Amino acid sequence: MSSTNLKLLSLLVSTLAIVQIITAGDPDILVDFIAPDNVTGDFFTFTGFRSLRQPPPTTFTVSKASMKEFPVLLGQSVSYAALQFPAFSINPPHTHPRSAELLLVARGTLEVAFVDTTNKLLTSTLEEGDMFIFPKGLVHFQLNLSNQTTLALSAFGSANAGTVSIPSTLLNSTIEDNVLALAFKTDVATIQTLKKGFSQN
């Protein structure tokens, strides 16, 4: 293959890759922003994280600033979450189907990990000021192994990144117990015991 053909092929592959990246985000809006008539600056202000100033929670807590909580984000391809980890707490394995997650540890320390598509577990110990990226759609979790509260902030490249909790989704669904037992290579009694911890009251 000639040098010119190689350059042309390389350009074509690069163009296709860029087109795929461009089409993977939130749809573009046709105006600067979507807002009611007589809009003021308050419409662009989110105060939901003021609760972070209160005493820390006793269980793992997520406070979100996504399209649902902050409607002006519609079409802006951004959202945020504040994660508060009391001592020895976990954000269970989960995925975000519509965005990668960029996590910043604002206070404390945090163990983080994700599983890649070859089932390799990639882990890191983060300290205050450290950041970690969880690739879009991959299973990941965070764990506070210290006796201090940890605060982390997560940024998403979508106004509605979505969250699919692996344990809750599987054990709180209507998937039959025998299917889950086969999938996890265990018995129905074990599945039923696990389900008790996830039953919605």
C-alpha atoms as a PDB file:
ATOM      1  CA  MET A   1       0.000   0.000   0.000  1.00  0.00           C
ATOM      2  CA  SER A   2       1.386   3.372  -0.982  1.00  0.00           C
ATOM      3  CA  SER A   3       2.213   6.151   1.469  1.00  0.00           C
ATOM      4  CA  THR A   4      -0.668   8.260   0.109  1.00  0.00           C
ATOM      5  CA  ASN A   5      -3.157   5.409   0.594  1.00  0.00           C
ATOM      6  CA  LEU A   6      -1.914   4.848   4.158  1.00  0.00           C
ATOM      7  CA  LYS A   7      -2.372   8.536   4.954  1.00  0.00           C
ATOM      8  CA  LEU A   8      -5.874   8.471   3.444  1.00  0.00           C
ATOM      9  CA  LEU A   9      -6.803   5.357   5.427  1.00  0.00           C
ATOM     10  CA  SER A  10      -5.424   6.913   8.624  1.00  0.00           C
ATOM     11  CA  LEU A  11      -7.447  10.087   8.016  1.00  0.00           C
ATOM     12  CA  LEU A  12     -10.608   8.064   7.398  1.00  0.00           C
ATOM     13  CA  VAL A  13     -10.172   6.014  10.599  1.00  0.00           C
ATOM     14  CA  SER A  14      -9.475   9.179  12.638  1.00  0.00           C
ATOM     15  CA  THR A  15     -12.555  10.887  11.202  1.00  0.00           C
ATOM     16  CA  LEU A  16     -14.786   7.928  12.041  1.00  0.00           C
ATOM     17  CA  ALA A  17     -13.414   7.847  15.600  1.00  0.00           C
ATOM     18  CA  ILE A  18     -14.122  11.557  16.057  1.00  0.00           C
ATOM     19  CA  VAL A  19     -17.655  11.156  14.686  1.00  0.00           C
ATOM     20  CA  GLN A  20     -18.309   8.344  17.188  1.00  0.00           C
ATOM     21  CA  ILE A  21     -17.011  10.474  20.073  1.00  0.00           C
ATOM     22  CA  ILE A  22     -19.165  13.408  19.013  1.00  0.00           C
ATOM     23  CA  THR A  23     -22.347  11.321  18.794  1.00  0.00           C
ATOM     24  CA  ALA A  24     -21.752   9.659  22.193  1.00  0.00           C
ATOM     25  CA  GLY A  25     -22.696  12.687  24.329  1.00  0.00           C
ATOM     26  CA  ASP A  26     -25.967  14.332  25.305  1.00  0.00           C
ATOM     27  CA  PRO A  27     -27.950  15.747  22.386  1.00  0.00           C
ATOM     28  CA  ASP A  28     -27.265  19.398  21.639  1.00  0.00           C
ATOM     29  CA  ILE A  29     -29.945  21.976  22.347  1.00  0.00           C
ATOM     30  CA  LEU A  30     -30.810  24.559  19.715  1.00  0.00           C
ATOM     31  CA  VAL A  31     -30.721  27.568  22.030  1.00  0.00           C
ATOM     32  CA  ASP A  32     -28.235  28.875  24.616  1.00  0.00           C
ATOM     33  CA  PHE A  33     -30.261  27.302  27.428  1.00  0.00           C
ATOM     34  CA  ILE A  34     -33.776  26.108  28.209  1.00  0.00           C
ATOM     35  CA  ALA A  35     -35.449  28.433  30.710  1.00  0.00           C
ATOM     36  CA  PRO A  36     -38.853  29.934  31.491  1.00  0.00           C
ATOM     37  CA  ASP A  37     -39.747  33.521  30.551  1.00  0.00           C
ATOM     38  CA  ASN A  38     -38.515  36.277  32.885  1.00  0.00           C
ATOM     39  CA  VAL A  39     -35.571  34.138  33.980  1.00  0.00           C
ATOM     40  CA  THR A  40     -33.213  35.453  36.679  1.00  0.00           C
ATOM     41  CA  GLY A  41     -29.826  34.314  37.930  1.00  0.00           C
ATOM     42  CA  ASP A  42     -31.558  32.160  40.544  1.00  0.00           C
ATOM     43  CA  PHE A  43     -32.613  29.780  37.775  1.00  0.00           C
ATOM     44  CA  PHE A  44     -28.926  29.006  37.182  1.00  0.00           C
ATOM     45  CA  THR A  45     -28.139  28.536  40.886  1.00  0.00           C
ATOM     46  CA  PHE A  46     -28.158  25.166  42.667  1.00  0.00           C
ATOM     47  CA  THR A  47     -28.212  25.229  46.481  1.00  0.00           C
ATOM     48  CA  GLY A  48     -28.687  21.500  47.097  1.00  0.00           C
ATOM     49  CA  PHE A  49     -25.139  21.001  48.344  1.00  0.00           C
ATOM     50  CA  ARG A  50     -25.584  23.388  51.265  1.00  0.00           C
ATOM     51  CA  SER A  51     -26.595  20.331  53.286  1.00  0.00           C
ATOM     52  CA  LEU A  52     -22.948  19.216  53.123  1.00  0.00           C
ATOM     53  CA  ARG A  53     -22.234  21.803  55.840  1.00  0.00           C
ATOM     54  CA  GLN A  54     -24.411  19.860  58.301  1.00  0.00           C
ATOM     55  CA  PRO A  55     -23.020  17.095  60.539  1.00  0.00           C
ATOM     56  CA  PRO A  56     -21.933  14.195  58.313  1.00  0.00           C
ATOM     57  CA  PRO A  57     -24.424  11.363  57.759  1.00  0.00           C
ATOM     58  CA  THR A  58     -24.137   8.002  59.513  1.00  0.00           C
ATOM     59  CA  THR A  59     -24.523   6.012  56.278  1.00  0.00           C
ATOM     60  CA  PHE A  60     -23.104   6.483  52.789  1.00  0.00           C
ATOM     61  CA  THR A  61     -24.996   9.358  51.146  1.00  0.00           C
ATOM     62  CA  VAL A  62     -25.096  10.722  47.587  1.00  0.00           C
ATOM     63  CA  SER A  63     -26.370  14.238  46.881  1.00  0.00           C
ATOM     64  CA  LYS A  64     -26.933  14.833  43.165  1.00  0.00           C
ATOM     65  CA  ALA A  65     -27.016  17.888  40.944  1.00  0.00           C
ATOM     66  CA  SER A  66     -28.301  16.263  37.767  1.00  0.00           C
ATOM     67  CA  MET A  67     -31.038  17.267  35.335  1.00  0.00           C
ATOM     68  CA  LYS A  68     -33.720  16.022  37.752  1.00  0.00           C
ATOM     69  CA  GLU A  69     -32.533  18.193  40.661  1.00  0.00           C
ATOM     70  CA  PHE A  70     -31.229  21.091  38.547  1.00  0.00           C
ATOM     71  CA  PRO A  71     -33.344  21.350  35.355  1.00  0.00           C
ATOM     72  CA  VAL A  72     -31.174  24.024  33.727  1.00  0.00           C
ATOM     73  CA  LEU A  73     -28.617  21.259  33.066  1.00  0.00           C
ATOM     74  CA  LEU A  74     -30.835  19.916  30.272  1.00  0.00           C
ATOM     75  CA  GLY A  75     -28.693  19.899  27.134  1.00  0.00           C
ATOM     76  CA  GLN A  76     -25.541  21.069  28.934  1.00  0.00           C
ATOM     77  CA  SER A  77     -23.856  17.615  29.158  1.00  0.00           C
ATOM     78  CA  VAL A  78     -22.684  18.138  32.751  1.00  0.00           C
ATOM     79  CA  SER A  79     -23.781  17.103  36.235  1.00  0.00           C
ATOM     80  CA  TYR A  80     -22.291  16.662  39.680  1.00  0.00           C
ATOM     81  CA  ALA A  81     -22.615  14.500  42.768  1.00  0.00           C
ATOM     82  CA  ALA A  82     -21.333  14.849  46.325  1.00  0.00           C
ATOM     83  CA  LEU A  83     -20.530  11.553  48.040  1.00  0.00           C
ATOM     84  CA  GLN A  84     -20.232  11.390  51.834  1.00  0.00           C
ATOM     85  CA  PHE A  85     -18.599   8.293  53.301  1.00  0.00           C
ATOM     86  CA  PRO A  86     -18.793   7.757  57.067  1.00  0.00           C
ATOM     87  CA  ALA A  87     -16.039   5.587  58.541  1.00  0.00           C
ATOM     88  CA  PHE A  88     -15.838   2.096  56.992  1.00  0.00           C
ATOM     89  CA  SER A  89     -18.639   2.651  54.456  1.00  0.00           C
ATOM     90  CA  ILE A  90     -18.994   1.710  50.785  1.00  0.00           C
ATOM     91  CA  ASN A  91     -20.590   2.965  47.603  1.00  0.00           C
ATOM     92  CA  PRO A  92     -21.493  -0.513  46.268  1.00  0.00           C
ATOM     93  CA  PRO A  93     -20.498  -1.718  42.802  1.00  0.00           C
ATOM     94  CA  HIS A  94     -22.433   0.207  40.142  1.00  0.00           C
ATOM     95  CA  THR A  95     -22.218   1.652  36.635  1.00  0.00           C
ATOM     96  CA  HIS A  96     -23.113   4.916  34.908  1.00  0.00           C
ATOM     97  CA  PRO A  97     -24.430   3.953  31.465  1.00  0.00           C
ATOM     98  CA  ARG A  98     -24.292   7.452  29.941  1.00  0.00           C
ATOM     99  CA  SER A  99     -21.058   8.984  31.248  1.00  0.00           C
ATOM    100  CA  ALA A 100     -17.597   8.547  32.646  1.00  0.00           C
ATOM    101  CA  GLU A 101     -17.123   9.783  36.229  1.00  0.00           C
ATOM    102  CA  LEU A 102     -14.282  12.050  37.376  1.00  0.00           C
ATOM    103  CA  LEU A 103     -14.000  11.777  41.174  1.00  0.00           C
ATOM    104  CA  LEU A 104     -12.119  14.249  43.408  1.00  0.00           C
ATOM    105  CA  VAL A 105     -11.453  13.511  47.075  1.00  0.00           C
ATOM    106  CA  ALA A 106     -12.179  16.794  48.867  1.00  0.00           C
ATOM    107  CA  ARG A 107     -11.658  15.507  52.413  1.00  0.00           C
ATOM    108  CA  GLY A 108     -10.298  12.230  53.814  1.00  0.00           C
ATOM    109  CA  THR A 109      -9.068   9.130  51.980  1.00  0.00           C
ATOM    110  CA  LEU A 110     -10.817   6.657  49.706  1.00  0.00           C
ATOM    111  CA  GLU A 111     -10.169   3.282  48.122  1.00  0.00           C
ATOM    112  CA  VAL A 112     -11.465   3.199  44.546  1.00  0.00           C
ATOM    113  CA  ALA A 113     -11.630   0.522  41.872  1.00  0.00           C
ATOM    114  CA  PHE A 114     -13.192  -0.429  38.565  1.00  0.00           C
ATOM    115  CA  VAL A 115     -13.358  -3.651  36.550  1.00  0.00           C
ATOM    116  CA  ASP A 116     -12.299  -3.407  32.908  1.00  0.00           C
ATOM    117  CA  THR A 117     -13.761  -5.441  30.042  1.00  0.00           C
ATOM    118  CA  THR A 118     -11.204  -8.229  30.626  1.00  0.00           C
ATOM    119  CA  ASN A 119     -12.413  -8.547  34.268  1.00  0.00           C
ATOM    120  CA  LYS A 120      -9.200  -6.981  35.585  1.00  0.00           C
ATOM    121  CA  LEU A 121      -9.680  -5.022  38.820  1.00  0.00           C
ATOM    122  CA  LEU A 122      -7.853  -1.667  38.785  1.00  0.00           C
ATOM    123  CA  THR A 123      -7.514  -0.066  42.229  1.00  0.00           C
ATOM    124  CA  SER A 124      -6.058   3.046  43.829  1.00  0.00           C
ATOM    125  CA  THR A 125      -5.854   4.678  47.247  1.00  0.00           C
ATOM    126  CA  LEU A 126      -6.788   8.353  47.003  1.00  0.00           C
ATOM    127  CA  GLU A 127      -5.846  11.102  49.415  1.00  0.00           C
ATOM    128  CA  GLU A 128      -7.259  14.600  49.766  1.00  0.00           C
ATOM    129  CA  GLY A 129      -6.894  16.430  46.446  1.00  0.00           C
ATOM    130  CA  ASP A 130      -6.459  13.263  44.349  1.00  0.00           C
ATOM    131  CA  MET A 131      -8.636  12.518  41.330  1.00  0.00           C
ATOM    132  CA  PHE A 132      -9.656   9.248  39.643  1.00  0.00           C
ATOM    133  CA  ILE A 133     -11.547   8.511  36.420  1.00  0.00           C
ATOM    134  CA  PHE A 134     -14.101   5.720  36.113  1.00  0.00           C
ATOM    135  CA  PRO A 135     -14.630   4.959  32.408  1.00  0.00           C
ATOM    136  CA  LYS A 136     -18.165   5.126  31.040  1.00  0.00           C
ATOM    137  CA  GLY A 137     -20.283   2.034  31.658  1.00  0.00           C
ATOM    138  CA  LEU A 138     -17.719   0.039  33.666  1.00  0.00           C
ATOM    139  CA  VAL A 139     -18.510  -1.454  37.086  1.00  0.00           C
ATOM    140  CA  HIS A 140     -16.814   0.482  39.885  1.00  0.00           C
ATOM    141  CA  PHE A 141     -17.002   1.201  43.615  1.00  0.00           C
ATOM    142  CA  GLN A 142     -15.526   3.372  46.372  1.00  0.00           C
ATOM    143  CA  LEU A 143     -14.712   2.330  49.940  1.00  0.00           C
ATOM    144  CA  ASN A 144     -13.730   4.342  53.012  1.00  0.00           C
ATOM    145  CA  LEU A 145     -11.472   2.146  55.139  1.00  0.00           C
ATOM    146  CA  SER A 146     -10.563   4.917  57.587  1.00  0.00           C
ATOM    147  CA  ASN A 147     -12.247   5.923  60.839  1.00  0.00           C
ATOM    148  CA  GLN A 148     -12.817   9.454  59.486  1.00  0.00           C
ATOM    149  CA  THR A 149     -15.566  10.800  57.226  1.00  0.00           C
ATOM    150  CA  THR A 150     -14.586  11.231  53.574  1.00  0.00           C
ATOM    151  CA  LEU A 151     -16.153  13.715  51.143  1.00  0.00           C
ATOM    152  CA  ALA A 152     -15.751  13.198  47.394  1.00  0.00           C
ATOM    153  CA  LEU A 153     -17.118  15.171  44.453  1.00  0.00           C
ATOM    154  CA  SER A 154     -17.952  13.512  41.132  1.00  0.00           C
ATOM    155  CA  ALA A 155     -18.296  15.252  37.784  1.00  0.00           C
ATOM    156  CA  PHE A 156     -20.137  13.646  34.862  1.00  0.00           C
ATOM    157  CA  GLY A 157     -20.184  14.411  31.140  1.00  0.00           C
ATOM    158  CA  SER A 158     -23.955  14.033  30.996  1.00  0.00           C
ATOM    159  CA  ALA A 159     -26.883  15.876  32.555  1.00  0.00           C
ATOM    160  CA  ASN A 160     -28.304  12.442  33.383  1.00  0.00           C
ATOM    161  CA  ALA A 161     -25.461   9.922  33.771  1.00  0.00           C
ATOM    162  CA  GLY A 162     -27.726   7.286  35.324  1.00  0.00           C
ATOM    163  CA  THR A 163     -26.732   4.860  38.057  1.00  0.00           C
ATOM    164  CA  VAL A 164     -27.240   1.101  37.998  1.00  0.00           C
ATOM    165  CA  SER A 165     -26.449  -0.468  41.375  1.00  0.00           C
ATOM    166  CA  ILE A 166     -25.325  -4.043  40.740  1.00  0.00           C
ATOM    167  CA  PRO A 167     -26.419  -5.649  44.062  1.00  0.00           C
ATOM    168  CA  SER A 168     -29.696  -3.759  44.315  1.00  0.00           C
ATOM    169  CA  THR A 169     -30.592  -4.204  40.652  1.00  0.00           C
ATOM    170  CA  LEU A 170     -30.062  -7.957  40.769  1.00  0.00           C
ATOM    171  CA  LEU A 171     -31.422  -8.729  44.231  1.00  0.00           C
ATOM    172  CA  ASN A 172     -34.279  -6.222  44.288  1.00  0.00           C
ATOM    173  CA  SER A 173     -35.680  -7.153  40.888  1.00  0.00           C
ATOM    174  CA  THR A 174     -38.238  -9.725  39.787  1.00  0.00           C
ATOM    175  CA  ILE A 175     -35.563 -12.017  38.338  1.00  0.00           C
ATOM    176  CA  GLU A 176     -36.512 -15.485  39.538  1.00  0.00           C
ATOM    177  CA  ASP A 177     -34.470 -16.929  42.393  1.00  0.00           C
ATOM    178  CA  ASN A 178     -33.524 -20.037  40.431  1.00  0.00           C
ATOM    179  CA  VAL A 179     -32.109 -17.873  37.599  1.00  0.00           C
ATOM    180  CA  LEU A 180     -29.978 -15.908  40.076  1.00  0.00           C
ATOM    181  CA  ALA A 181     -28.881 -19.137  41.785  1.00  0.00           C
ATOM    182  CA  LEU A 182     -27.719 -20.540  38.449  1.00  0.00           C
ATOM    183  CA  ALA A 183     -26.003 -17.270  37.507  1.00  0.00           C
ATOM    184  CA  PHE A 184     -24.106 -17.074  40.817  1.00  0.00           C
ATOM    185  CA  LYS A 185     -23.494 -20.849  40.975  1.00  0.00           C
ATOM    186  CA  THR A 186     -25.215 -21.184  44.336  1.00  0.00           C
ATOM    187  CA  ASP A 187     -28.575 -22.363  45.678  1.00  0.00           C
ATOM    188  CA  VAL A 188     -31.959 -20.658  45.937  1.00  0.00           C
ATOM    189  CA  ALA A 189     -31.755 -20.493  49.761  1.00  0.00           C
ATOM    190  CA  THR A 190     -28.564 -18.411  49.541  1.00  0.00           C
ATOM    191  CA  ILE A 191     -30.175 -16.051  47.012  1.00  0.00           C
ATOM    192  CA  GLN A 192     -33.225 -15.637  49.269  1.00  0.00           C
ATOM    193  CA  THR A 193     -30.977 -14.826  52.234  1.00  0.00           C
ATOM    194  CA  LEU A 194     -29.141 -12.203  50.182  1.00  0.00           C
ATOM    195  CA  LYS A 195     -32.437 -10.728  48.962  1.00  0.00           C
ATOM    196  CA  LYS A 196     -33.605 -10.087  52.553  1.00  0.00           C
ATOM    197  CA  GLY A 197     -30.896  -7.474  52.921  1.00  0.00           C
ATOM    198  CA  PHE A 198     -32.163  -5.631  49.858  1.00  0.00           C
ATOM    199  CA  SER A 199     -35.905  -5.909  50.371  1.00  0.00           C
ATOM    200  CA  GLN A 200     -37.742  -2.599  49.975  1.00  0.00           C
ATOM    201  CA  ASN A 201     -39.882  -1.777  52.988  1.00  0.00           C
END
